[in-house]
Amino acid sequence: MPIYEFKCTNCTKEFDELVSISAEKKPPCPSCRSEKVEKKMSACAGFSGSSGGSCNGSSGFS
């Protein structure tokens, strides 16, 4: 399961959550328990380049 970044639109708390790809409901805010959260764009979300889209810090160079 991937870890996604979220931001609460109620209290502005940012948090990470381990969420199933098939999950339809977003997790509640751990600070205020509001369900008004937005998924943030991650630097590793769906990008592919010379490193093959890997988020492991590898540059792809040897």
PDB file of N, CA and C in Angstrom:
ATOM      1  N   MET A   1       0.845  -1.181   0.000  1.00  0.00           N
ATOM      2  CA  MET A   1       0.000   0.000   0.000  1.00  0.00           C
ATOM      3  C   MET A   1       0.887   1.240   0.000  1.00  0.00           C
ATOM      4  N   PRO A   2       0.566   2.218  -0.806  1.00  0.00           N
ATOM      5  CA  PRO A   2       1.376   3.442  -0.860  1.00  0.00           C
ATOM      6  C   PRO A   2       1.035   4.416   0.271  1.00  0.00           C
ATOM      7  N   ILE A   3       1.987   5.284   0.565  1.00  0.00           N
ATOM      8  CA  ILE A   3       1.775   6.343   1.544  1.00  0.00           C
ATOM      9  C   ILE A   3       1.429   7.606   0.769  1.00  0.00           C
ATOM     10  N   TYR A   4       0.303   8.216   1.124  1.00  0.00           N
ATOM     11  CA  TYR A   4      -0.137   9.444   0.474  1.00  0.00           C
ATOM     12  C   TYR A   4      -0.031  10.605   1.449  1.00  0.00           C
ATOM     13  N   GLU A   5       0.158  11.809   0.901  1.00  0.00           N
ATOM     14  CA  GLU A   5       0.201  13.029   1.699  1.00  0.00           C
ATOM     15  C   GLU A   5      -1.158  13.705   1.605  1.00  0.00           C
ATOM     16  N   PHE A   6      -1.658  14.164   2.750  1.00  0.00           N
ATOM     17  CA  PHE A   6      -2.947  14.839   2.811  1.00  0.00           C
ATOM     18  C   PHE A   6      -2.812  16.158   3.555  1.00  0.00           C
ATOM     19  N   LYS A   7      -3.770  17.067   3.293  1.00  0.00           N
ATOM     20  CA  LYS A   7      -3.848  18.328   4.024  1.00  0.00           C
ATOM     21  C   LYS A   7      -5.300  18.539   4.419  1.00  0.00           C
ATOM     22  N   CYS A   8      -5.524  18.820   5.686  1.00  0.00           N
ATOM     23  CA  CYS A   8      -6.874  19.076   6.192  1.00  0.00           C
ATOM     24  C   CYS A   8      -7.289  20.491   5.806  1.00  0.00           C
ATOM     25  N   THR A   9      -8.456  20.628   5.216  1.00  0.00           N
ATOM     26  CA  THR A   9      -8.946  21.964   4.837  1.00  0.00           C
ATOM     27  C   THR A   9      -9.615  22.648   6.019  1.00  0.00           C
ATOM     28  N   ASN A  10      -9.798  21.921   7.108  1.00  0.00           N
ATOM     29  CA  ASN A  10     -10.419  22.491   8.301  1.00  0.00           C
ATOM     30  C   ASN A  10      -9.375  23.148   9.212  1.00  0.00           C
ATOM     31  N   CYS A  11      -8.301  22.418   9.555  1.00  0.00           N
ATOM     32  CA  CYS A  11      -7.293  22.947  10.481  1.00  0.00           C
ATOM     33  C   CYS A  11      -5.920  23.147   9.832  1.00  0.00           C
ATOM     34  N   THR A  12      -5.779  22.838   8.552  1.00  0.00           N
ATOM     35  CA  THR A  12      -4.574  22.971   7.727  1.00  0.00           C
ATOM     36  C   THR A  12      -3.432  22.016   8.124  1.00  0.00           C
ATOM     37  N   LYS A  13      -3.700  21.035   8.961  1.00  0.00           N
ATOM     38  CA  LYS A  13      -2.693  20.028   9.337  1.00  0.00           C
ATOM     39  C   LYS A  13      -2.325  19.197   8.119  1.00  0.00           C
ATOM     40  N   GLU A  14      -1.036  18.951   7.914  1.00  0.00           N
ATOM     41  CA  GLU A  14      -0.564  18.077   6.847  1.00  0.00           C
ATOM     42  C   GLU A  14      -0.130  16.764   7.473  1.00  0.00           C
ATOM     43  N   PHE A  15      -0.490  15.643   6.829  1.00  0.00           N
ATOM     44  CA  PHE A  15      -0.149  14.338   7.382  1.00  0.00           C
ATOM     45  C   PHE A  15      -0.006  13.310   6.274  1.00  0.00           C
ATOM     46  N   ASP A  16       0.703  12.230   6.589  1.00  0.00           N
ATOM     47  CA  ASP A  16       0.904  11.108   5.679  1.00  0.00           C
ATOM     48  C   ASP A  16       0.045   9.952   6.177  1.00  0.00           C
ATOM     49  N   GLU A  17      -0.465   9.175   5.243  1.00  0.00           N
ATOM     50  CA  GLU A  17      -1.307   8.042   5.621  1.00  0.00           C
ATOM     51  C   GLU A  17      -1.078   6.892   4.657  1.00  0.00           C
ATOM     52  N   LEU A  18      -0.978   5.698   5.184  1.00  0.00           N
ATOM     53  CA  LEU A  18      -0.858   4.488   4.394  1.00  0.00           C
ATOM     54  C   LEU A  18      -2.273   4.120   3.953  1.00  0.00           C
ATOM     55  N   VAL A  19      -2.540   4.210   2.635  1.00  0.00           N
ATOM     56  CA  VAL A  19      -3.894   4.032   2.122  1.00  0.00           C
ATOM     57  C   VAL A  19      -3.887   3.055   0.952  1.00  0.00           C
ATOM     58  N   SER A  20      -4.856   2.180   0.927  1.00  0.00           N
ATOM     59  CA  SER A  20      -5.013   1.249  -0.187  1.00  0.00           C
ATOM     60  C   SER A  20      -5.328   2.028  -1.460  1.00  0.00           C
ATOM     61  N   ILE A  21      -4.778   1.572  -2.571  1.00  0.00           N
ATOM     62  CA  ILE A  21      -5.030   2.233  -3.855  1.00  0.00           C
ATOM     63  C   ILE A  21      -6.516   2.214  -4.193  1.00  0.00           C
ATOM     64  N   SER A  22      -7.211   1.153  -3.787  1.00  0.00           N
ATOM     65  CA  SER A  22      -8.629   1.019  -4.105  1.00  0.00           C
ATOM     66  C   SER A  22      -9.550   1.716  -3.102  1.00  0.00           C
ATOM     67  N   ALA A  23      -8.983   2.332  -2.060  1.00  0.00           N
ATOM     68  CA  ALA A  23      -9.802   3.009  -1.054  1.00  0.00           C
ATOM     69  C   ALA A  23     -10.547   4.178  -1.680  1.00  0.00           C
ATOM     70  N   GLU A  24     -11.836   4.248  -1.433  1.00  0.00           N
ATOM     71  CA  GLU A  24     -12.638   5.343  -1.989  1.00  0.00           C
ATOM     72  C   GLU A  24     -12.765   6.513  -1.017  1.00  0.00           C
ATOM     73  N   LYS A  25     -12.606   6.243   0.269  1.00  0.00           N
ATOM     74  CA  LYS A  25     -12.762   7.280   1.276  1.00  0.00           C
ATOM     75  C   LYS A  25     -11.393   7.748   1.762  1.00  0.00           C
ATOM     76  N   LYS A  26     -11.233   9.059   1.918  1.00  0.00           N
ATOM     77  CA  LYS A  26      -9.984   9.625   2.423  1.00  0.00           C
ATOM     78  C   LYS A  26      -9.966   9.498   3.945  1.00  0.00           C
ATOM     79  N   PRO A  27      -8.771   9.375   4.528  1.00  0.00           N
ATOM     80  CA  PRO A  27      -8.686   9.243   5.988  1.00  0.00           C
ATOM     81  C   PRO A  27      -9.038  10.553   6.681  1.00  0.00           C
ATOM     82  N   PRO A  28      -9.566  10.490   7.892  1.00  0.00           N
ATOM     83  CA  PRO A  28      -9.855  11.725   8.633  1.00  0.00           C
ATOM     84  C   PRO A  28      -8.568  12.365   9.146  1.00  0.00           C
ATOM     85  N   CYS A  29      -8.624  13.643   9.407  1.00  0.00           N
ATOM     86  CA  CYS A  29      -7.484  14.379   9.944  1.00  0.00           C
ATOM     87  C   CYS A  29      -7.158  13.842  11.344  1.00  0.00           C
ATOM     88  N   PRO A  30      -5.886  13.513  11.607  1.00  0.00           N
ATOM     89  CA  PRO A  30      -5.512  13.002  12.926  1.00  0.00           C
ATOM     90  C   PRO A  30      -5.561  14.075  14.017  1.00  0.00           C
ATOM     91  N   SER A  31      -5.591  15.339  13.614  1.00  0.00           N
ATOM     92  CA  SER A  31      -5.597  16.426  14.581  1.00  0.00           C
ATOM     93  C   SER A  31      -7.010  16.820  15.009  1.00  0.00           C
ATOM     94  N   CYS A  32      -7.887  17.100  14.028  1.00  0.00           N
ATOM     95  CA  CYS A  32      -9.236  17.579  14.363  1.00  0.00           C
ATOM     96  C   CYS A  32     -10.332  16.579  14.001  1.00  0.00           C
ATOM     97  N   ARG A  33      -9.956  15.448  13.393  1.00  0.00           N
ATOM     98  CA  ARG A  33     -10.871  14.371  12.991  1.00  0.00           C
ATOM     99  C   ARG A  33     -11.834  14.775  11.870  1.00  0.00           C
ATOM    100  N   SER A  34     -11.601  15.909  11.235  1.00  0.00           N
ATOM    101  CA  SER A  34     -12.428  16.336  10.114  1.00  0.00           C
ATOM    102  C   SER A  34     -12.214  15.407   8.925  1.00  0.00           C
ATOM    103  N   GLU A  35     -13.245  15.188   8.141  1.00  0.00           N
ATOM    104  CA  GLU A  35     -13.132  14.384   6.931  1.00  0.00           C
ATOM    105  C   GLU A  35     -12.915  15.256   5.700  1.00  0.00           C
ATOM    106  N   LYS A  36     -12.698  16.540   5.913  1.00  0.00           N
ATOM    107  CA  LYS A  36     -12.454  17.478   4.817  1.00  0.00           C
ATOM    108  C   LYS A  36     -10.953  17.561   4.570  1.00  0.00           C
ATOM    109  N   VAL A  37     -10.423  16.543   3.881  1.00  0.00           N
ATOM    110  CA  VAL A  37      -8.995  16.496   3.583  1.00  0.00           C
ATOM    111  C   VAL A  37      -8.796  16.400   2.074  1.00  0.00           C
ATOM    112  N   GLU A  38      -7.669  16.929   1.623  1.00  0.00           N
ATOM    113  CA  GLU A  38      -7.306  16.881   0.203  1.00  0.00           C
ATOM    114  C   GLU A  38      -6.007  16.113   0.055  1.00  0.00           C
ATOM    115  N   LYS A  39      -5.914  15.305  -0.978  1.00  0.00           N
ATOM    116  CA  LYS A  39      -4.676  14.595  -1.276  1.00  0.00           C
ATOM    117  C   LYS A  39      -3.724  15.582  -1.930  1.00  0.00           C
ATOM    118  N   LYS A  40      -2.486  15.631  -1.428  1.00  0.00           N
ATOM    119  CA  LYS A  40      -1.479  16.523  -1.982  1.00  0.00           C
ATOM    120  C   LYS A  40      -0.725  15.813  -3.093  1.00  0.00           C
ATOM    121  N   MET A  41      -0.170  16.591  -4.002  1.00  0.00           N
ATOM    122  CA  MET A  41       0.686  16.037  -5.040  1.00  0.00           C
ATOM    123  C   MET A  41       2.031  15.701  -4.403  1.00  0.00           C
ATOM    124  N   SER A  42       2.536  14.532  -4.716  1.00  0.00           N
ATOM    125  CA  SER A  42       3.829  14.105  -4.202  1.00  0.00           C
ATOM    126  C   SER A  42       4.867  14.237  -5.305  1.00  0.00           C
ATOM    127  N   ALA A  43       6.102  14.455  -4.932  1.00  0.00           N
ATOM    128  CA  ALA A  43       7.184  14.572  -5.912  1.00  0.00           C
ATOM    129  C   ALA A  43       7.375  13.269  -6.684  1.00  0.00           C
ATOM    130  N   CYS A  44       6.918  12.165  -6.136  1.00  0.00           N
ATOM    131  CA  CYS A  44       7.120  10.864  -6.765  1.00  0.00           C
ATOM    132  C   CYS A  44       5.848  10.330  -7.414  1.00  0.00           C
ATOM    133  N   ALA A  45       4.791  11.046  -7.395  1.00  0.00           N
ATOM    134  CA  ALA A  45       3.506  10.537  -7.880  1.00  0.00           C
ATOM    135  C   ALA A  45       3.451  10.470  -9.395  1.00  0.00           C
ATOM    136  N   GLY A  46       3.597   9.282  -9.935  1.00  0.00           N
ATOM    137  CA  GLY A  46       3.367   9.030 -11.349  1.00  0.00           C
ATOM    138  C   GLY A  46       4.365   9.616 -12.327  1.00  0.00           C
ATOM    139  N   PHE A  47       5.517  10.032 -11.883  1.00  0.00           N
ATOM    140  CA  PHE A  47       6.491  10.586 -12.807  1.00  0.00           C
ATOM    141  C   PHE A  47       7.469   9.500 -13.239  1.00  0.00           C
ATOM    142  N   SER A  48       7.813   9.503 -14.509  1.00  0.00           N
ATOM    143  CA  SER A  48       8.849   8.573 -14.952  1.00  0.00           C
ATOM    144  C   SER A  48       9.864   9.358 -15.760  1.00  0.00           C
ATOM    145  N   GLY A  49      11.085   9.125 -15.457  1.00  0.00           N
ATOM    146  CA  GLY A  49      12.163   9.824 -16.144  1.00  0.00           C
ATOM    147  C   GLY A  49      13.352   8.904 -16.261  1.00  0.00           C
ATOM    148  N   SER A  50      14.538   9.464 -16.212  1.00  0.00           N
ATOM    149  CA  SER A  50      15.738   8.655 -16.370  1.00  0.00           C
ATOM    150  C   SER A  50      15.890   7.638 -15.241  1.00  0.00           C
ATOM    151  N   SER A  51      15.263   7.911 -14.082  1.00  0.00           N
ATOM    152  CA  SER A  51      15.370   6.958 -12.977  1.00  0.00           C
ATOM    153  C   SER A  51      14.218   5.973 -12.978  1.00  0.00           C
ATOM    154  N   GLY A  52      13.351   6.036 -13.983  1.00  0.00           N
ATOM    155  CA  GLY A  52      12.247   5.103 -14.072  1.00  0.00           C
ATOM    156  C   GLY A  52      11.110   5.404 -13.136  1.00  0.00           C
ATOM    157  N   GLY A  53      11.077   6.645 -12.603  1.00  0.00           N
ATOM    158  CA  GLY A  53      10.002   7.024 -11.707  1.00  0.00           C
ATOM    159  C   GLY A  53      10.201   6.539 -10.284  1.00  0.00           C
ATOM    160  N   SER A  54      11.375   6.063  -9.980  1.00  0.00           N
ATOM    161  CA  SER A  54      11.642   5.525  -8.650  1.00  0.00           C
ATOM    162  C   SER A  54      11.772   6.644  -7.631  1.00  0.00           C
ATOM    163  N   CYS A  55      11.269   6.395  -6.439  1.00  0.00           N
ATOM    164  CA  CYS A  55      11.360   7.370  -5.352  1.00  0.00           C
ATOM    165  C   CYS A  55      12.414   6.982  -4.340  1.00  0.00           C
ATOM    166  N   ASN A  56      13.327   6.114  -4.717  1.00  0.00           N
ATOM    167  CA  ASN A  56      14.316   5.637  -3.756  1.00  0.00           C
ATOM    168  C   ASN A  56      15.570   6.502  -3.705  1.00  0.00           C
ATOM    169  N   GLY A  57      15.580   7.626  -4.384  1.00  0.00           N
ATOM    170  CA  GLY A  57      16.725   8.515  -4.358  1.00  0.00           C
ATOM    171  C   GLY A  57      17.798   8.171  -5.365  1.00  0.00           C
ATOM    172  N   SER A  58      17.611   7.107  -6.113  1.00  0.00           N
ATOM    173  CA  SER A  58      18.583   6.702  -7.119  1.00  0.00           C
ATOM    174  C   SER A  58      18.523   7.648  -8.307  1.00  0.00           C
ATOM    175  N   SER A  59      19.674   8.060  -8.802  1.00  0.00           N
ATOM    176  CA  SER A  59      19.719   8.973  -9.934  1.00  0.00           C
ATOM    177  C   SER A  59      19.663   8.270 -11.270  1.00  0.00           C
ATOM    178  N   GLY A  60      19.859   6.952 -11.265  1.00  0.00           N
ATOM    179  CA  GLY A  60      19.865   6.205 -12.518  1.00  0.00           C
ATOM    180  C   GLY A  60      21.231   6.153 -13.169  1.00  0.00           C
ATOM    181  N   PHE A  61      22.216   6.811 -12.549  1.00  0.00           N
ATOM    182  CA  PHE A  61      23.580   6.817 -13.098  1.00  0.00           C
ATOM    183  C   PHE A  61      24.423   5.802 -12.353  1.00  0.00           C
ATOM    184  N   SER A  62      25.392   5.191 -13.087  1.00  0.00           N
ATOM    185  CA  SER A  62      26.276   4.260 -12.408  1.00  0.00           C
ATOM    186  C   SER A  62      27.686   4.772 -12.399  1.00  0.00           C
TER     187      SER A  62
END
